[in-house]
Amino acid sequence: MHSATVRGLATRASVLVALGLCLCCAFIAAAQAQTAATSAPPGKVEQLLKLLDDPEVKAWITAKGAPPVAEIPAVPSPNDFMLWL
């Protein structure tokens, strides 16, 4: 074999090995992220959740009223396009 052919094969092999290592690292990281244990919420969070489930608290929140959420148009207007420019 010619040395250029050997170098070409070695280059391709090293790229494939590097790509394989990157994929392995990505799979390992994804697997570790999925197995992260969730702990029970602290006592104060549990109290807050119980309060939010209370009908009196729900009625007070509804009576107080939350600010209306502005709707975002699905299609940008020509003015939006001019702002982007």
C-alpha atoms as a PDB file:
ATOM      1  CA  MET A   1       0.000   0.000   0.000  1.00  0.00           C
ATOM      2  CA  HIS A   2       1.065   3.530  -0.586  1.00  0.00           C
ATOM      3  CA  SER A   3       1.763   5.760   2.386  1.00  0.00           C
ATOM      4  CA  ALA A   4      -0.899   8.242   1.229  1.00  0.00           C
ATOM      5  CA  THR A   5      -3.515   5.489   1.317  1.00  0.00           C
ATOM      6  CA  VAL A   6      -2.437   4.427   4.775  1.00  0.00           C
ATOM      7  CA  ARG A   7      -2.555   8.021   6.011  1.00  0.00           C
ATOM      8  CA  GLY A   8      -6.015   8.474   4.520  1.00  0.00           C
ATOM      9  CA  LEU A   9      -7.295   5.324   6.208  1.00  0.00           C
ATOM     10  CA  ALA A  10      -5.692   6.304   9.504  1.00  0.00           C
ATOM     11  CA  THR A  11      -7.295   9.747   9.316  1.00  0.00           C
ATOM     12  CA  ARG A  12     -10.716   8.279   8.610  1.00  0.00           C
ATOM     13  CA  ALA A  13     -10.329   5.738  11.398  1.00  0.00           C
ATOM     14  CA  SER A  14      -9.321   8.406  13.921  1.00  0.00           C
ATOM     15  CA  VAL A  15     -12.302  10.568  12.931  1.00  0.00           C
ATOM     16  CA  LEU A  16     -14.647   7.603  13.351  1.00  0.00           C
ATOM     17  CA  VAL A  17     -13.155   6.743  16.746  1.00  0.00           C
ATOM     18  CA  ALA A  18     -13.470  10.365  17.913  1.00  0.00           C
ATOM     19  CA  LEU A  19     -17.073  10.484  16.704  1.00  0.00           C
ATOM     20  CA  GLY A  20     -17.832   7.221  18.498  1.00  0.00           C
ATOM     21  CA  LEU A  21     -16.358   8.541  21.746  1.00  0.00           C
ATOM     22  CA  CYS A  22     -18.436  11.714  21.482  1.00  0.00           C
ATOM     23  CA  LEU A  23     -21.603   9.679  20.943  1.00  0.00           C
ATOM     24  CA  CYS A  24     -20.783   7.446  23.905  1.00  0.00           C
ATOM     25  CA  CYS A  25     -20.259  10.472  26.134  1.00  0.00           C
ATOM     26  CA  ALA A  26     -23.556  11.958  24.974  1.00  0.00           C
ATOM     27  CA  PHE A  27     -25.443   8.730  25.704  1.00  0.00           C
ATOM     28  CA  ILE A  28     -23.847   8.421  29.142  1.00  0.00           C
ATOM     29  CA  ALA A  29     -24.723  12.030  29.991  1.00  0.00           C
ATOM     30  CA  ALA A  30     -28.321  11.515  28.869  1.00  0.00           C
ATOM     31  CA  ALA A  31     -28.631   8.337  30.906  1.00  0.00           C
ATOM     32  CA  GLN A  32     -27.296  10.044  34.031  1.00  0.00           C
ATOM     33  CA  ALA A  33     -29.658  12.970  33.568  1.00  0.00           C
ATOM     34  CA  GLN A  34     -32.623  10.617  33.410  1.00  0.00           C
ATOM     35  CA  THR A  35     -31.702   8.736  36.579  1.00  0.00           C
ATOM     36  CA  ALA A  36     -31.468  11.853  38.759  1.00  0.00           C
ATOM     37  CA  ALA A  37     -33.540  11.171  41.849  1.00  0.00           C
ATOM     38  CA  THR A  38     -36.182  13.676  42.822  1.00  0.00           C
ATOM     39  CA  SER A  39     -36.449  14.251  46.534  1.00  0.00           C
ATOM     40  CA  ALA A  40     -39.616  15.053  48.436  1.00  0.00           C
ATOM     41  CA  PRO A  41     -40.403  18.775  48.594  1.00  0.00           C
ATOM     42  CA  PRO A  42     -39.516  20.599  51.797  1.00  0.00           C
ATOM     43  CA  GLY A  43     -42.192  21.197  54.404  1.00  0.00           C
ATOM     44  CA  LYS A  44     -42.807  24.800  53.394  1.00  0.00           C
ATOM     45  CA  VAL A  45     -43.451  23.789  49.789  1.00  0.00           C
ATOM     46  CA  GLU A  46     -45.929  21.166  50.959  1.00  0.00           C
ATOM     47  CA  GLN A  47     -47.684  23.822  53.068  1.00  0.00           C
ATOM     48  CA  LEU A  48     -47.853  26.137  50.067  1.00  0.00           C
ATOM     49  CA  LEU A  49     -49.349  23.405  47.889  1.00  0.00           C
ATOM     50  CA  LYS A  50     -51.955  22.657  50.563  1.00  0.00           C
ATOM     51  CA  LEU A  51     -52.820  26.365  50.778  1.00  0.00           C
ATOM     52  CA  LEU A  52     -53.170  26.618  47.017  1.00  0.00           C
ATOM     53  CA  ASP A  53     -55.601  23.673  47.091  1.00  0.00           C
ATOM     54  CA  ASP A  54     -57.723  25.389  49.765  1.00  0.00           C
ATOM     55  CA  PRO A  55     -61.045  26.628  48.273  1.00  0.00           C
ATOM     56  CA  GLU A  56     -60.912  29.884  50.283  1.00  0.00           C
ATOM     57  CA  VAL A  57     -57.452  30.693  48.958  1.00  0.00           C
ATOM     58  CA  LYS A  58     -58.538  29.828  45.409  1.00  0.00           C
ATOM     59  CA  ALA A  59     -61.551  32.140  45.761  1.00  0.00           C
ATOM     60  CA  TRP A  60     -59.358  34.963  47.093  1.00  0.00           C
ATOM     61  CA  ILE A  61     -56.886  34.578  44.225  1.00  0.00           C
ATOM     62  CA  THR A  62     -59.743  34.563  41.706  1.00  0.00           C
ATOM     63  CA  ALA A  63     -61.360  37.633  43.328  1.00  0.00           C
ATOM     64  CA  LYS A  64     -58.092  39.518  43.387  1.00  0.00           C
ATOM     65  CA  GLY A  65     -57.637  38.765  39.709  1.00  0.00           C
ATOM     66  CA  ALA A  66     -54.469  38.121  37.843  1.00  0.00           C
ATOM     67  CA  PRO A  67     -53.340  40.627  35.219  1.00  0.00           C
ATOM     68  CA  PRO A  68     -54.509  39.637  31.745  1.00  0.00           C
ATOM     69  CA  VAL A  69     -51.950  37.936  29.577  1.00  0.00           C
ATOM     70  CA  ALA A  70     -51.330  39.767  26.327  1.00  0.00           C
ATOM     71  CA  GLU A  71     -51.870  37.565  23.312  1.00  0.00           C
ATOM     72  CA  ILE A  72     -48.999  37.267  20.901  1.00  0.00           C
ATOM     73  CA  PRO A  73     -50.129  37.436  17.283  1.00  0.00           C
ATOM     74  CA  ALA A  74     -49.495  34.212  15.400  1.00  0.00           C
ATOM     75  CA  VAL A  75     -48.386  36.040  12.247  1.00  0.00           C
ATOM     76  CA  PRO A  76     -46.017  38.988  12.546  1.00  0.00           C
ATOM     77  CA  SER A  77     -47.397  42.275  11.285  1.00  0.00           C
ATOM     78  CA  PRO A  78     -45.584  44.455   8.733  1.00  0.00           C
ATOM     79  CA  ASN A  79     -44.615  46.782  11.584  1.00  0.00           C
ATOM     80  CA  ASP A  80     -42.876  43.891  13.347  1.00  0.00           C
ATOM     81  CA  PHE A  81     -40.950  43.172  10.161  1.00  0.00           C
ATOM     82  CA  MET A  82     -39.798  46.776   9.946  1.00  0.00           C
ATOM     83  CA  LEU A  83     -38.632  46.635  13.567  1.00  0.00           C
ATOM     84  CA  TRP A  84     -36.555  43.548  12.809  1.00  0.00           C
ATOM     85  CA  LEU A  85     -34.784  45.359  10.005  1.00  0.00           C
END
